[in-house]
Amino acid sequence: MIELKSVTKTVRSGIEDLTILSDVSLEIPEGQFVALTGASGSGKSTLLGLMAGLDAPTSGTITIDGDEITRMSEDDLAGIRSAKIGFIFQSFHLIPSLTAFENILIPMEIRGAPNAADRANELLRDVDLTDRGHHYPAELSGGEQQRVAIARAFANEPKILLADEPTGNLDSKNGRHIFDLMTDLHKRRAVTLVLVTHDHALAAEAQRQIVLRDGVVVSDESGRDAVTGMRDATRGPGDAETVRRGDTAKGDAEVVDLAT
């Protein structure tokens, strides 16, 4: 479904080249839920943008659902994104002059989708906003705006959903609600979900966790085994030391952070 081969991304910084991603190779199968984690500046959002065709790698290739997008024209990339990829941004990116209903409707109208209005109303129901469809973004809370953004991302029934810190601007309650809506839609609509997050609790619920550090994949694990590896991999030199101390009543080792 998503395949990256030896992907490197460098940008010019003053008189030097800054490497954001270095020789990243990944395969994400259809329907998998993957969490991308790592410290700020590790390359997570850059990697997600490359998967979406919003940017191009300096070297390497990226294939999306059988289409090699690395050297596609902007028009062809737009067609791939419209047909196959839904993207959820941390800062919502709703069109302020359109209502919630219209923000969801517009991607379908651009594609000429049949029964677009009916589908927009269905998606409003899916995100529990049936009675808020006529409101403009400025009249909605942050959580409501992100729910509109999720509905819009699913408008054209994409095979792939890419989410860049979708809970980052929300309180814990709304963040959890957004996460649950997103993962529920992922399961019901059988889409491939790639989530960038700093929240280890949310990442631990993914089927697979990939950790980046300084533009390099330092951990790529599936299931419950990934939790410890994810926490260890995201710790840099100077971070809190982690030790295991004894066994608890449940027979698990207790994890203690020795913060300085």
Protein backbone atom coordinates (compact mmCIF):
# COMPACT_ATOMS: atom_id res chain seq x y z
CA MET A 1 0.00 0.00 0.00
CA ILE A 2 2.74 2.50 1.04
CA GLU A 3 6.36 1.75 0.18
CA LEU A 4 9.41 3.93 0.70
CA LYS A 5 12.81 2.88 -0.62
CA SER A 6 15.99 4.64 0.58
CA VAL A 7 14.17 7.97 1.02
CA THR A 8 16.37 10.91 1.98
CA LYS A 9 15.29 14.54 2.37
CA THR A 10 17.76 17.40 2.66
CA VAL A 11 17.17 21.15 2.67
CA ARG A 12 19.54 24.08 2.38
CA SER A 13 20.25 25.83 5.68
CA GLY A 14 22.58 28.78 5.23
CA ILE A 15 25.70 27.43 3.55
CA GLU A 16 25.09 23.83 4.58
CA ASP A 17 22.68 21.04 3.69
CA LEU A 18 20.46 19.89 6.55
CA THR A 19 19.40 16.23 6.44
CA ILE A 20 15.83 15.83 7.70
CA LEU A 21 15.37 12.16 6.69
CA SER A 22 18.18 9.73 5.97
CA ASP A 23 17.80 6.52 3.94
CA VAL A 24 14.32 5.61 5.21
CA SER A 25 12.83 2.37 3.84
CA LEU A 26 9.37 1.23 4.95
CA GLU A 27 6.48 -0.92 3.76
CA ILE A 28 3.00 -0.35 5.22
CA PRO A 29 0.42 -2.93 4.11
CA GLU A 30 -3.19 -2.20 3.30
CA GLY A 31 -5.42 -1.63 6.33
CA GLN A 32 -2.65 -1.31 8.91
CA PHE A 33 -2.75 1.32 11.69
CA VAL A 34 0.75 2.74 12.16
CA ALA A 35 1.89 5.35 14.70
CA LEU A 36 4.92 7.51 13.89
CA THR A 37 6.59 8.86 17.01
CA GLY A 38 9.78 10.66 17.95
CA ALA A 39 11.01 13.91 19.42
CA SER A 40 10.26 17.26 17.78
CA GLY A 41 12.50 17.68 14.76
CA SER A 42 12.94 13.94 14.22
CA GLY A 43 11.34 14.06 10.76
CA LYS A 44 7.86 12.66 11.47
CA SER A 45 5.83 15.37 9.77
CA THR A 46 8.26 15.55 6.86
CA LEU A 47 7.87 11.81 6.34
CA LEU A 48 4.08 12.11 6.40
CA GLY A 49 4.17 14.97 3.91
CA LEU A 50 6.30 12.89 1.55
CA MET A 51 3.81 10.01 1.78
CA ALA A 52 1.06 12.46 0.82
CA GLY A 53 2.99 13.85 -2.13
CA LEU A 54 3.00 17.30 -0.51
CA ASP A 55 6.79 17.36 -0.87
CA ALA A 56 9.36 15.40 -2.86
CA PRO A 57 12.33 13.45 -1.48
CA THR A 58 15.87 14.44 -2.41
CA SER A 59 16.52 10.80 -3.30
CA GLY A 60 14.72 7.49 -3.09
CA THR A 61 11.26 6.42 -4.26
CA ILE A 62 7.76 6.44 -2.79
CA THR A 63 4.96 4.20 -4.04
CA ILE A 64 1.32 4.71 -3.04
CA ASP A 65 -1.13 1.90 -3.83
CA GLY A 66 0.96 0.79 -6.79
CA ASP A 67 1.66 4.30 -8.12
CA GLU A 68 5.24 5.59 -7.92
CA ILE A 69 4.67 9.24 -7.01
CA THR A 70 8.23 10.51 -6.67
CA ARG A 71 8.45 12.10 -10.11
CA MET A 72 4.78 12.77 -10.79
CA SER A 73 3.60 16.17 -11.99
CA GLU A 74 1.64 18.37 -9.59
CA ASP A 75 -1.57 17.62 -11.47
CA ASP A 76 -1.01 13.87 -11.22
CA LEU A 77 -0.14 14.17 -7.52
CA ALA A 78 -3.32 16.15 -6.92
CA GLY A 79 -5.27 13.36 -8.60
CA ILE A 80 -3.65 10.72 -6.36
CA ARG A 81 -4.39 12.74 -3.22
CA SER A 82 -7.97 13.35 -4.27
CA ALA A 83 -8.65 9.71 -5.08
CA LYS A 84 -6.58 7.80 -2.53
CA ILE A 85 -5.38 9.95 0.39
CA GLY A 86 -7.14 11.76 3.21
CA PHE A 87 -5.00 14.15 5.28
CA ILE A 88 -5.79 15.51 8.75
CA PHE A 89 -3.75 18.49 9.95
CA GLN A 90 -3.06 19.52 13.53
CA SER A 91 -4.40 23.02 12.83
CA PHE A 92 -7.58 21.86 11.01
CA HIS A 93 -7.14 23.94 7.80
CA LEU A 94 -10.87 24.42 7.29
CA ILE A 95 -12.03 27.07 4.81
CA PRO A 96 -13.34 29.86 7.07
CA SER A 97 -15.91 31.17 4.58
CA LEU A 98 -17.61 27.77 4.25
CA THR A 99 -19.87 26.00 6.74
CA ALA A 100 -18.95 22.66 8.26
CA PHE A 101 -21.24 20.95 5.75
CA GLU A 102 -19.67 22.84 2.82
CA ASN A 103 -16.11 22.07 3.98
CA ILE A 104 -16.97 18.37 3.83
CA LEU A 105 -18.87 18.74 0.56
CA ILE A 106 -16.24 20.59 -1.49
CA PRO A 107 -13.76 17.72 -2.09
CA MET A 108 -16.61 15.62 -3.48
CA GLU A 109 -17.88 18.43 -5.67
CA ILE A 110 -14.39 18.93 -7.11
CA ARG A 111 -14.29 15.24 -8.06
CA GLY A 112 -17.86 15.29 -9.37
CA ALA A 113 -18.92 12.58 -6.92
CA PRO A 114 -22.57 11.50 -7.13
CA ASN A 115 -24.88 12.12 -4.16
CA ALA A 116 -22.26 14.39 -2.59
CA ALA A 117 -24.74 16.21 -0.32
CA ASP A 118 -26.12 12.95 1.05
CA ARG A 119 -22.61 11.69 1.77
CA ALA A 120 -21.65 14.96 3.47
CA ASN A 121 -24.64 14.59 5.79
CA GLU A 122 -23.70 10.95 6.45
CA LEU A 123 -20.18 12.01 7.43
CA LEU A 124 -21.55 14.72 9.72
CA ARG A 125 -23.52 11.99 11.47
CA ASP A 126 -20.41 9.81 11.69
CA VAL A 127 -18.59 12.53 13.65
CA ASP A 128 -21.63 13.50 15.76
CA LEU A 129 -22.11 16.95 14.21
CA THR A 130 -25.51 16.62 12.55
CA ASP A 131 -26.80 19.76 14.26
CA ARG A 132 -23.65 21.81 13.61
CA GLY A 133 -23.37 21.47 9.84
CA HIS A 134 -24.64 25.00 9.17
CA HIS A 135 -22.03 26.63 11.43
CA TYR A 136 -18.84 28.28 10.19
CA PRO A 137 -15.44 27.19 11.60
CA ALA A 138 -15.20 30.29 13.83
CA GLU A 139 -18.46 29.21 15.48
CA LEU A 140 -17.12 25.74 16.33
CA SER A 141 -14.88 24.60 19.16
CA GLY A 142 -11.45 23.19 18.43
CA GLY A 143 -12.72 19.65 18.91
CA GLU A 144 -15.64 20.27 16.58
CA GLN A 145 -13.37 21.76 13.92
CA GLN A 146 -11.14 18.70 14.05
CA ARG A 147 -14.17 16.44 13.70
CA VAL A 148 -15.14 18.37 10.56
CA ALA A 149 -11.58 17.91 9.31
CA ILE A 150 -11.83 14.15 9.89
CA ALA A 151 -15.14 13.99 8.02
CA ARG A 152 -13.61 15.98 5.15
CA ALA A 153 -10.62 13.62 5.02
CA PHE A 154 -13.01 10.69 4.53
CA ALA A 155 -15.17 12.51 1.96
CA ASN A 156 -13.74 10.82 -1.14
CA GLU A 157 -13.47 7.40 0.55
CA PRO A 158 -9.66 7.32 0.55
CA LYS A 159 -7.68 4.12 0.90
CA ILE A 160 -5.11 5.92 3.08
CA LEU A 161 -5.58 8.33 5.97
CA LEU A 162 -2.57 10.40 7.08
CA ALA A 163 -2.96 12.32 10.35
CA ASP A 164 -0.36 14.83 11.58
CA GLU A 165 -0.77 15.36 15.33
CA PRO A 166 -4.58 15.58 15.03
CA THR A 167 -5.00 15.79 18.82
CA GLY A 168 -2.09 18.16 19.44
CA ASN A 169 -4.18 21.34 19.79
CA LEU A 170 -6.90 19.75 21.91
CA ASP A 171 -7.40 19.01 25.61
CA SER A 172 -7.15 15.39 26.71
CA LYS A 173 -10.91 14.74 26.62
CA ASN A 174 -11.42 16.14 23.12
CA GLY A 175 -8.16 14.56 22.00
CA ARG A 176 -9.38 11.15 23.08
CA HIS A 177 -12.71 11.69 21.32
CA ILE A 178 -10.94 12.65 18.08
CA PHE A 179 -8.66 9.62 18.33
CA ASP A 180 -11.59 7.28 18.92
CA LEU A 181 -13.54 8.72 15.97
CA MET A 182 -10.53 8.37 13.70
CA THR A 183 -9.73 4.80 14.68
CA ASP A 184 -13.41 3.80 14.49
CA LEU A 185 -13.65 5.15 10.94
CA HIS A 186 -10.37 3.39 10.13
CA LYS A 187 -11.84 0.06 11.25
CA ARG A 188 -15.25 0.49 9.68
CA ARG A 189 -13.95 1.75 6.35
CA ALA A 190 -10.84 -0.48 6.27
CA VAL A 191 -8.39 2.31 5.48
CA THR A 192 -4.65 2.37 6.07
CA LEU A 193 -4.01 4.83 8.91
CA VAL A 194 -0.67 6.54 9.59
CA LEU A 195 -0.74 8.74 12.70
CA VAL A 196 1.99 11.15 13.81
CA THR A 197 1.79 11.69 17.56
CA HIS A 198 3.82 12.55 20.64
CA ASP A 199 1.29 10.73 22.84
CA HIS A 200 2.70 7.32 23.78
CA ALA A 201 -0.66 6.17 25.16
CA LEU A 202 -2.34 6.75 21.79
CA ALA A 203 0.59 5.31 19.84
CA ALA A 204 0.47 2.15 21.95
CA GLU A 205 -2.99 1.41 20.54
CA ALA A 206 -1.66 1.21 16.99
CA GLN A 207 -0.90 -2.12 15.36
CA ARG A 208 2.64 -0.93 14.66
CA GLN A 209 4.87 1.81 16.06
CA ILE A 210 7.71 3.39 14.09
CA VAL A 211 10.09 5.69 15.97
CA LEU A 212 12.26 8.32 14.28
CA ARG A 213 15.31 10.00 15.74
CA ASP A 214 17.32 12.58 13.80
CA GLY A 215 15.71 11.49 10.55
CA VAL A 216 16.47 7.79 11.00
CA VAL A 217 14.11 4.92 11.88
CA VAL A 218 15.42 3.63 15.22
CA SER A 219 12.53 1.30 16.08
CA ASP A 220 9.85 -0.47 14.06
CA GLU A 221 7.78 -2.90 16.09
CA SER A 222 4.29 -4.36 16.15
CA GLY A 223 1.85 -5.12 18.95
CA ARG A 224 2.52 -4.88 22.67
CA ASP A 225 6.26 -5.48 22.22
CA ALA A 226 6.49 -2.05 20.64
CA VAL A 227 5.60 -0.07 23.77
CA THR A 228 8.89 -0.50 25.60
CA GLY A 229 10.91 -0.16 22.41
CA MET A 230 9.05 3.03 21.50
CA ARG A 231 9.75 4.64 24.88
CA ASP A 232 13.39 3.63 24.87
CA ALA A 233 13.96 4.76 21.30
CA THR A 234 12.51 8.22 21.87
CA ARG A 235 14.82 8.88 24.79
CA GLY A 236 17.84 10.88 23.80
CA PRO A 237 21.12 11.29 25.68
CA GLY A 238 20.22 13.53 28.70
CA ASP A 239 16.63 12.33 28.94
CA ALA A 240 15.33 10.73 32.13
CA GLU A 241 16.92 7.40 32.97
CA THR A 242 14.60 4.39 32.98
CA VAL A 243 15.14 1.49 35.37
CA ARG A 244 13.13 -1.63 36.20
CA ARG A 245 12.63 -2.30 39.85
CA GLY A 246 11.26 -5.55 41.23
CA ASP A 247 8.03 -7.25 40.36
CA THR A 248 4.60 -5.87 41.08
CA ALA A 249 1.72 -7.90 42.45
CA LYS A 250 0.66 -8.51 38.85
CA GLY A 251 4.05 -9.96 38.04
CA ASP A 252 5.17 -7.09 35.79
CA ALA A 253 8.32 -5.07 36.31
CA GLU A 254 7.71 -1.57 37.60
CA VAL A 255 9.11 1.15 35.35
CA VAL A 256 10.48 4.18 37.19
CA ASP A 257 11.72 7.41 35.61
CA LEU A 258 14.62 9.03 37.41
CA ALA A 259 14.24 12.60 36.20
CA THR A 260 16.99 15.03 36.87
